[in-house]
């Protein structure tokens, strides 16, 4: 995992040399867990938990009319859920944090006065850096466990709006939906799919070499 993180940081650093914009984002993640035990039975009464996330990265315009932007960045996100199985009288809780590498494509949809509306599609690879699973009164550390997938892959889609607050800075707000596979153990055949709803705000800042507007 350390090697993958190092490669990710080198990639982000190299892209920053020719990128046009820098972005930073902060918000709330509401995660929905879809759990199935080794018999393929679902745990229907899982409840979502809200956690915080942050993201930073770079954007670069890739077409002449400045409607498409390629972005790459890093994120830190927490996910959680609680639930129980009344048949077995069990209590479950997941509390995990991931460091991620994200890539996406922004497209400007339309503009209403100074407000610009956009959609974004992206992919992410995330690495578990902290995680606990609680079953009844027992707490298990998930980092490094063979039965738990410490690296996850997800697809994401966003819709948002941005508004310029100066010549080189814009504020934005967006909603992002993501779907990923968090746990797929070949030993116990447990499966835990993770769906995320993220609500965030942030800033886009033009870099000195950026010939762009908002």
C-alpha atoms as a PDB file:
ATOM      1  CA  UNK A   1       0.000   0.000   0.000  1.00  0.00           C
ATOM      2  CA  UNK A   2       2.865   2.405   0.759  1.00  0.00           C
ATOM      3  CA  UNK A   3       4.203   1.930  -2.764  1.00  0.00           C
ATOM      4  CA  UNK A   4       0.798   2.711  -4.285  1.00  0.00           C
ATOM      5  CA  UNK A   5       0.465   5.866  -2.184  1.00  0.00           C
ATOM      6  CA  UNK A   6       3.948   7.003  -3.181  1.00  0.00           C
ATOM      7  CA  UNK A   7       3.160   6.529  -6.875  1.00  0.00           C
ATOM      8  CA  UNK A   8      -0.078   8.465  -6.419  1.00  0.00           C
ATOM      9  CA  UNK A   9       1.680  11.406  -4.765  1.00  0.00           C
ATOM     10  CA  UNK A  10       4.347  11.523  -7.481  1.00  0.00           C
ATOM     11  CA  UNK A  11       1.639  11.501 -10.164  1.00  0.00           C
ATOM     12  CA  UNK A  12      -0.261  14.373  -8.535  1.00  0.00           C
ATOM     13  CA  UNK A  13       2.937  16.385  -8.123  1.00  0.00           C
ATOM     14  CA  UNK A  14       3.911  15.943 -11.765  1.00  0.00           C
ATOM     15  CA  UNK A  15       0.474  16.975 -13.034  1.00  0.00           C
ATOM     16  CA  UNK A  16       0.520  20.126 -10.909  1.00  0.00           C
ATOM     17  CA  UNK A  17       3.322  21.493 -13.088  1.00  0.00           C
ATOM     18  CA  UNK A  18       1.052  22.013 -16.103  1.00  0.00           C
ATOM     19  CA  UNK A  19      -2.399  22.274 -14.527  1.00  0.00           C
ATOM     20  CA  UNK A  20      -4.451  25.454 -14.793  1.00  0.00           C
ATOM     21  CA  UNK A  21      -6.500  25.381 -11.607  1.00  0.00           C
ATOM     22  CA  UNK A  22      -6.280  24.173  -8.022  1.00  0.00           C
ATOM     23  CA  UNK A  23      -9.361  23.036  -6.074  1.00  0.00           C
ATOM     24  CA  UNK A  24     -10.120  22.177  -2.476  1.00  0.00           C
ATOM     25  CA  UNK A  25     -13.340  20.754  -1.093  1.00  0.00           C
ATOM     26  CA  UNK A  26     -14.895  19.908   2.248  1.00  0.00           C
ATOM     27  CA  UNK A  27     -18.193  18.234   3.049  1.00  0.00           C
ATOM     28  CA  UNK A  28     -20.249  15.425   4.528  1.00  0.00           C
ATOM     29  CA  UNK A  29     -20.464  11.808   3.409  1.00  0.00           C
ATOM     30  CA  UNK A  30     -23.583   9.757   4.118  1.00  0.00           C
ATOM     31  CA  UNK A  31     -22.672   6.121   3.504  1.00  0.00           C
ATOM     32  CA  UNK A  32     -25.128   3.320   2.848  1.00  0.00           C
ATOM     33  CA  UNK A  33     -23.840  -0.217   3.424  1.00  0.00           C
ATOM     34  CA  UNK A  34     -25.363  -3.282   1.732  1.00  0.00           C
ATOM     35  CA  UNK A  35     -24.194  -6.267   3.768  1.00  0.00           C
ATOM     36  CA  UNK A  36     -24.617  -9.982   3.004  1.00  0.00           C
ATOM     37  CA  UNK A  37     -23.353 -12.743   5.264  1.00  0.00           C
ATOM     38  CA  UNK A  38     -21.667 -15.980   4.196  1.00  0.00           C
ATOM     39  CA  UNK A  39     -25.090 -17.528   3.466  1.00  0.00           C
ATOM     40  CA  UNK A  40     -26.003 -14.672   1.113  1.00  0.00           C
ATOM     41  CA  UNK A  41     -28.557 -13.223   3.537  1.00  0.00           C
ATOM     42  CA  UNK A  42     -28.951  -9.454   3.686  1.00  0.00           C
ATOM     43  CA  UNK A  43     -28.871  -7.325   6.804  1.00  0.00           C
ATOM     44  CA  UNK A  44     -31.870  -5.107   6.144  1.00  0.00           C
ATOM     45  CA  UNK A  45     -31.752  -2.737   9.103  1.00  0.00           C
ATOM     46  CA  UNK A  46     -28.374  -1.101   8.538  1.00  0.00           C
ATOM     47  CA  UNK A  47     -28.437   2.614   9.349  1.00  0.00           C
ATOM     48  CA  UNK A  48     -26.279   5.208   7.636  1.00  0.00           C
ATOM     49  CA  UNK A  49     -23.834   7.421   9.489  1.00  0.00           C
ATOM     50  CA  UNK A  50     -22.529  10.847   8.494  1.00  0.00           C
ATOM     51  CA  UNK A  51     -18.771  11.421   8.275  1.00  0.00           C
ATOM     52  CA  UNK A  52     -16.605  14.233   6.960  1.00  0.00           C
ATOM     53  CA  UNK A  53     -14.439  14.264   3.855  1.00  0.00           C
ATOM     54  CA  UNK A  54     -11.869  16.611   2.322  1.00  0.00           C
ATOM     55  CA  UNK A  55     -10.399  16.750  -1.161  1.00  0.00           C
ATOM     56  CA  UNK A  56      -7.684  18.681  -3.004  1.00  0.00           C
ATOM     57  CA  UNK A  57      -6.387  18.520  -6.545  1.00  0.00           C
ATOM     58  CA  UNK A  58      -5.766  20.113  -9.919  1.00  0.00           C
ATOM     59  CA  UNK A  59      -7.927  20.802 -12.983  1.00  0.00           C
ATOM     60  CA  UNK A  60      -6.890  21.372 -16.579  1.00  0.00           C
ATOM     61  CA  UNK A  61      -8.999  22.520 -19.531  1.00  0.00           C
ATOM     62  CA  UNK A  62      -8.842  20.020 -22.405  1.00  0.00           C
ATOM     63  CA  UNK A  63     -10.874  21.638 -25.195  1.00  0.00           C
ATOM     64  CA  UNK A  64     -10.887  24.937 -27.061  1.00  0.00           C
ATOM     65  CA  UNK A  65     -14.258  26.267 -25.876  1.00  0.00           C
ATOM     66  CA  UNK A  66     -13.357  25.640 -22.221  1.00  0.00           C
ATOM     67  CA  UNK A  67     -16.249  23.336 -21.390  1.00  0.00           C
ATOM     68  CA  UNK A  68     -14.312  20.184 -20.469  1.00  0.00           C
ATOM     69  CA  UNK A  69     -11.905  19.904 -17.539  1.00  0.00           C
ATOM     70  CA  UNK A  70      -9.787  16.941 -16.504  1.00  0.00           C
ATOM     71  CA  UNK A  71      -9.089  16.740 -12.784  1.00  0.00           C
ATOM     72  CA  UNK A  72      -6.913  14.601 -10.550  1.00  0.00           C
ATOM     73  CA  UNK A  73      -6.554  14.817  -6.804  1.00  0.00           C
ATOM     74  CA  UNK A  74      -6.451  13.214  -3.394  1.00  0.00           C
ATOM     75  CA  UNK A  75      -9.139  12.767  -0.774  1.00  0.00           C
ATOM     76  CA  UNK A  76      -9.626  11.676   2.812  1.00  0.00           C
ATOM     77  CA  UNK A  77     -13.061  10.274   3.643  1.00  0.00           C
ATOM     78  CA  UNK A  78     -14.769   8.522   6.499  1.00  0.00           C
ATOM     79  CA  UNK A  79     -17.533   5.945   6.093  1.00  0.00           C
ATOM     80  CA  UNK A  80     -19.719   4.326   8.714  1.00  0.00           C
ATOM     81  CA  UNK A  81     -22.842   2.294   9.398  1.00  0.00           C
ATOM     82  CA  UNK A  82     -24.552   0.569  12.303  1.00  0.00           C
ATOM     83  CA  UNK A  83     -27.079  -2.255  12.381  1.00  0.00           C
ATOM     84  CA  UNK A  84     -28.267  -5.409  14.061  1.00  0.00           C
ATOM     85  CA  UNK A  85     -29.602  -8.868  13.293  1.00  0.00           C
ATOM     86  CA  UNK A  86     -32.526  -9.655  15.578  1.00  0.00           C
ATOM     87  CA  UNK A  87     -32.518 -13.322  14.621  1.00  0.00           C
ATOM     88  CA  UNK A  88     -28.985 -13.810  15.914  1.00  0.00           C
ATOM     89  CA  UNK A  89     -29.117 -10.984  18.456  1.00  0.00           C
ATOM     90  CA  UNK A  90     -26.010  -9.410  16.915  1.00  0.00           C
ATOM     91  CA  UNK A  91     -24.940  -5.771  16.748  1.00  0.00           C
ATOM     92  CA  UNK A  92     -22.726  -4.488  13.917  1.00  0.00           C
ATOM     93  CA  UNK A  93     -20.828  -1.260  13.395  1.00  0.00           C
ATOM     94  CA  UNK A  94     -18.283  -0.144  10.792  1.00  0.00           C
ATOM     95  CA  UNK A  95     -16.113   2.961  11.173  1.00  0.00           C
ATOM     96  CA  UNK A  96     -13.474   3.299   8.444  1.00  0.00           C
ATOM     97  CA  UNK A  97     -11.307   6.030   6.910  1.00  0.00           C
ATOM     98  CA  UNK A  98      -9.767   5.961   3.436  1.00  0.00           C
ATOM     99  CA  UNK A  99      -7.113   7.976   1.613  1.00  0.00           C
ATOM    100  CA  UNK A 100      -7.968   8.130  -2.072  1.00  0.00           C
ATOM    101  CA  UNK A 101      -6.679   9.043  -5.518  1.00  0.00           C
ATOM    102  CA  UNK A 102      -9.402  10.515  -7.744  1.00  0.00           C
ATOM    103  CA  UNK A 103      -9.659  11.332 -11.449  1.00  0.00           C
ATOM    104  CA  UNK A 104     -12.624  12.941 -13.153  1.00  0.00           C
ATOM    105  CA  UNK A 105     -14.000  14.794 -16.146  1.00  0.00           C
ATOM    106  CA  UNK A 106     -16.061  17.980 -15.664  1.00  0.00           C
ATOM    107  CA  UNK A 107     -18.426  19.255 -18.342  1.00  0.00           C
ATOM    108  CA  UNK A 108     -20.105  22.651 -18.233  1.00  0.00           C
ATOM    109  CA  UNK A 109     -23.822  22.189 -18.851  1.00  0.00           C
ATOM    110  CA  UNK A 110     -25.169  25.749 -18.952  1.00  0.00           C
ATOM    111  CA  UNK A 111     -24.722  29.173 -17.412  1.00  0.00           C
ATOM    112  CA  UNK A 112     -27.345  31.334 -15.671  1.00  0.00           C
ATOM    113  CA  UNK A 113     -25.947  34.831 -15.192  1.00  0.00           C
ATOM    114  CA  UNK A 114     -22.782  34.263 -13.136  1.00  0.00           C
ATOM    115  CA  UNK A 115     -23.780  30.760 -12.021  1.00  0.00           C
ATOM    116  CA  UNK A 116     -22.241  27.873 -13.966  1.00  0.00           C
ATOM    117  CA  UNK A 117     -23.832  24.426 -13.701  1.00  0.00           C
ATOM    118  CA  UNK A 118     -21.771  21.342 -14.412  1.00  0.00           C
ATOM    119  CA  UNK A 119     -21.741  17.561 -14.259  1.00  0.00           C
ATOM    120  CA  UNK A 120     -18.804  15.325 -13.467  1.00  0.00           C
ATOM    121  CA  UNK A 121     -17.964  11.675 -13.834  1.00  0.00           C
ATOM    122  CA  UNK A 122     -15.038  10.103 -12.064  1.00  0.00           C
ATOM    123  CA  UNK A 123     -13.227   7.076 -10.714  1.00  0.00           C
ATOM    124  CA  UNK A 124     -11.413   6.624  -7.430  1.00  0.00           C
ATOM    125  CA  UNK A 125      -9.024   4.191  -5.808  1.00  0.00           C
ATOM    126  CA  UNK A 126      -8.979   4.384  -2.015  1.00  0.00           C
ATOM    127  CA  UNK A 127      -6.653   2.851   0.573  1.00  0.00           C
ATOM    128  CA  UNK A 128      -7.760   1.962   4.082  1.00  0.00           C
ATOM    129  CA  UNK A 129      -5.704   3.838   6.673  1.00  0.00           C
ATOM    130  CA  UNK A 130      -7.954   3.354   9.723  1.00  0.00           C
ATOM    131  CA  UNK A 131     -10.873   1.026  10.322  1.00  0.00           C
ATOM    132  CA  UNK A 132     -12.788  -0.811  13.012  1.00  0.00           C
ATOM    133  CA  UNK A 133     -15.559  -3.377  12.867  1.00  0.00           C
ATOM    134  CA  UNK A 134     -17.622  -3.952  15.991  1.00  0.00           C
ATOM    135  CA  UNK A 135     -19.623  -7.153  16.447  1.00  0.00           C
ATOM    136  CA  UNK A 136     -21.533  -7.081  19.723  1.00  0.00           C
ATOM    137  CA  UNK A 137     -18.892  -6.034  22.273  1.00  0.00           C
ATOM    138  CA  UNK A 138     -15.875  -7.135  20.237  1.00  0.00           C
ATOM    139  CA  UNK A 139     -13.901  -4.532  18.248  1.00  0.00           C
ATOM    140  CA  UNK A 140     -11.721  -5.692  15.335  1.00  0.00           C
ATOM    141  CA  UNK A 141      -8.998  -3.675  13.618  1.00  0.00           C
ATOM    142  CA  UNK A 142      -9.524  -4.008   9.855  1.00  0.00           C
ATOM    143  CA  UNK A 143      -6.209  -2.578   8.667  1.00  0.00           C
ATOM    144  CA  UNK A 144      -4.133  -5.334   7.096  1.00  0.00           C
ATOM    145  CA  UNK A 145      -6.765  -8.042   7.553  1.00  0.00           C
ATOM    146  CA  UNK A 146      -6.811 -10.550   4.674  1.00  0.00           C
ATOM    147  CA  UNK A 147     -10.592 -10.928   4.866  1.00  0.00           C
ATOM    148  CA  UNK A 148     -11.128  -7.202   4.402  1.00  0.00           C
ATOM    149  CA  UNK A 149     -10.358  -5.428   1.145  1.00  0.00           C
ATOM    150  CA  UNK A 150      -7.983  -2.638   2.182  1.00  0.00           C
ATOM    151  CA  UNK A 151      -8.088  -1.104  -1.328  1.00  0.00           C
ATOM    152  CA  UNK A 152     -11.403  -0.196  -2.957  1.00  0.00           C
ATOM    153  CA  UNK A 153     -12.424   1.041  -6.387  1.00  0.00           C
ATOM    154  CA  UNK A 154     -15.470   3.201  -7.035  1.00  0.00           C
ATOM    155  CA  UNK A 155     -17.363   5.056  -9.754  1.00  0.00           C
ATOM    156  CA  UNK A 156     -18.723   8.521  -9.003  1.00  0.00           C
ATOM    157  CA  UNK A 157     -21.096  11.016 -10.563  1.00  0.00           C
ATOM    158  CA  UNK A 158     -21.608  14.649  -9.532  1.00  0.00           C
ATOM    159  CA  UNK A 159     -23.825  17.638 -10.246  1.00  0.00           C
ATOM    160  CA  UNK A 160     -22.920  21.093  -9.023  1.00  0.00           C
ATOM    161  CA  UNK A 161     -22.834  24.836  -9.441  1.00  0.00           C
ATOM    162  CA  UNK A 162     -19.996  27.351  -9.190  1.00  0.00           C
ATOM    163  CA  UNK A 163     -19.965  31.117  -8.739  1.00  0.00           C
ATOM    164  CA  UNK A 164     -17.014  33.519  -9.161  1.00  0.00           C
ATOM    165  CA  UNK A 165     -16.100  35.558  -6.101  1.00  0.00           C
ATOM    166  CA  UNK A 166     -13.054  37.261  -7.694  1.00  0.00           C
ATOM    167  CA  UNK A 167     -11.129  37.294 -10.962  1.00  0.00           C
ATOM    168  CA  UNK A 168      -9.201  34.165 -10.059  1.00  0.00           C
ATOM    169  CA  UNK A 169     -11.378  32.349  -7.495  1.00  0.00           C
ATOM    170  CA  UNK A 170     -14.774  30.652  -7.620  1.00  0.00           C
ATOM    171  CA  UNK A 171     -16.824  28.963  -4.930  1.00  0.00           C
ATOM    172  CA  UNK A 172     -18.734  25.778  -5.745  1.00  0.00           C
ATOM    173  CA  UNK A 173     -21.216  23.368  -4.211  1.00  0.00           C
ATOM    174  CA  UNK A 174     -21.978  19.875  -5.440  1.00  0.00           C
ATOM    175  CA  UNK A 175     -23.619  16.548  -4.767  1.00  0.00           C
ATOM    176  CA  UNK A 176     -21.753  13.326  -5.561  1.00  0.00           C
ATOM    177  CA  UNK A 177     -23.023   9.754  -5.663  1.00  0.00           C
ATOM    178  CA  UNK A 178     -20.551   6.893  -5.525  1.00  0.00           C
ATOM    179  CA  UNK A 179     -20.750   3.116  -5.562  1.00  0.00           C
ATOM    180  CA  UNK A 180     -17.981   0.732  -4.625  1.00  0.00           C
ATOM    181  CA  UNK A 181     -17.154  -2.738  -3.316  1.00  0.00           C
ATOM    182  CA  UNK A 182     -15.727  -2.549   0.191  1.00  0.00           C
ATOM    183  CA  UNK A 183     -15.590  -6.139   1.383  1.00  0.00           C
ATOM    184  CA  UNK A 184     -15.490  -9.374  -0.609  1.00  0.00           C
ATOM    185  CA  UNK A 185     -13.916 -12.178   1.355  1.00  0.00           C
ATOM    186  CA  UNK A 186     -13.134 -15.463  -0.304  1.00  0.00           C
ATOM    187  CA  UNK A 187     -12.790 -17.074   3.115  1.00  0.00           C
ATOM    188  CA  UNK A 188     -16.100 -16.168   4.738  1.00  0.00           C
ATOM    189  CA  UNK A 189     -17.919 -15.143   1.531  1.00  0.00           C
ATOM    190  CA  UNK A 190     -19.134 -11.978   3.246  1.00  0.00           C
ATOM    191  CA  UNK A 191     -19.922  -9.048   0.979  1.00  0.00           C
ATOM    192  CA  UNK A 192     -20.242  -5.398   1.898  1.00  0.00           C
ATOM    193  CA  UNK A 193     -21.145  -2.951  -0.872  1.00  0.00           C
ATOM    194  CA  UNK A 194     -20.746   0.739  -0.137  1.00  0.00           C
ATOM    195  CA  UNK A 195     -22.909   3.505  -1.608  1.00  0.00           C
ATOM    196  CA  UNK A 196     -22.002   7.099  -0.759  1.00  0.00           C
ATOM    197  CA  UNK A 197     -23.794  10.432  -0.931  1.00  0.00           C
ATOM    198  CA  UNK A 198     -21.477  13.423  -0.573  1.00  0.00           C
ATOM    199  CA  UNK A 199     -22.537  17.045  -0.120  1.00  0.00           C
ATOM    200  CA  UNK A 200     -19.636  19.450  -0.405  1.00  0.00           C
ATOM    201  CA  UNK A 201     -18.512  23.030  -0.883  1.00  0.00           C
ATOM    202  CA  UNK A 202     -15.151  24.308  -1.995  1.00  0.00           C
ATOM    203  CA  UNK A 203     -13.008  26.733  -3.968  1.00  0.00           C
ATOM    204  CA  UNK A 204     -11.418  26.704  -7.419  1.00  0.00           C
ATOM    205  CA  UNK A 205      -8.343  28.923  -7.776  1.00  0.00           C
ATOM    206  CA  UNK A 206      -6.711  29.885 -11.064  1.00  0.00           C
ATOM    207  CA  UNK A 207      -2.980  29.220 -11.070  1.00  0.00           C
ATOM    208  CA  UNK A 208      -0.545  31.826 -12.468  1.00  0.00           C
ATOM    209  CA  UNK A 209      -0.296  30.044 -15.847  1.00  0.00           C
ATOM    210  CA  UNK A 210      -4.089  29.782 -16.228  1.00  0.00           C
ATOM    211  CA  UNK A 211      -5.670  31.625 -19.160  1.00  0.00           C
ATOM    212  CA  UNK A 212      -9.242  30.931 -18.058  1.00  0.00           C
ATOM    213  CA  UNK A 213     -12.293  32.569 -16.565  1.00  0.00           C
ATOM    214  CA  UNK A 214     -15.334  31.570 -14.581  1.00  0.00           C
END
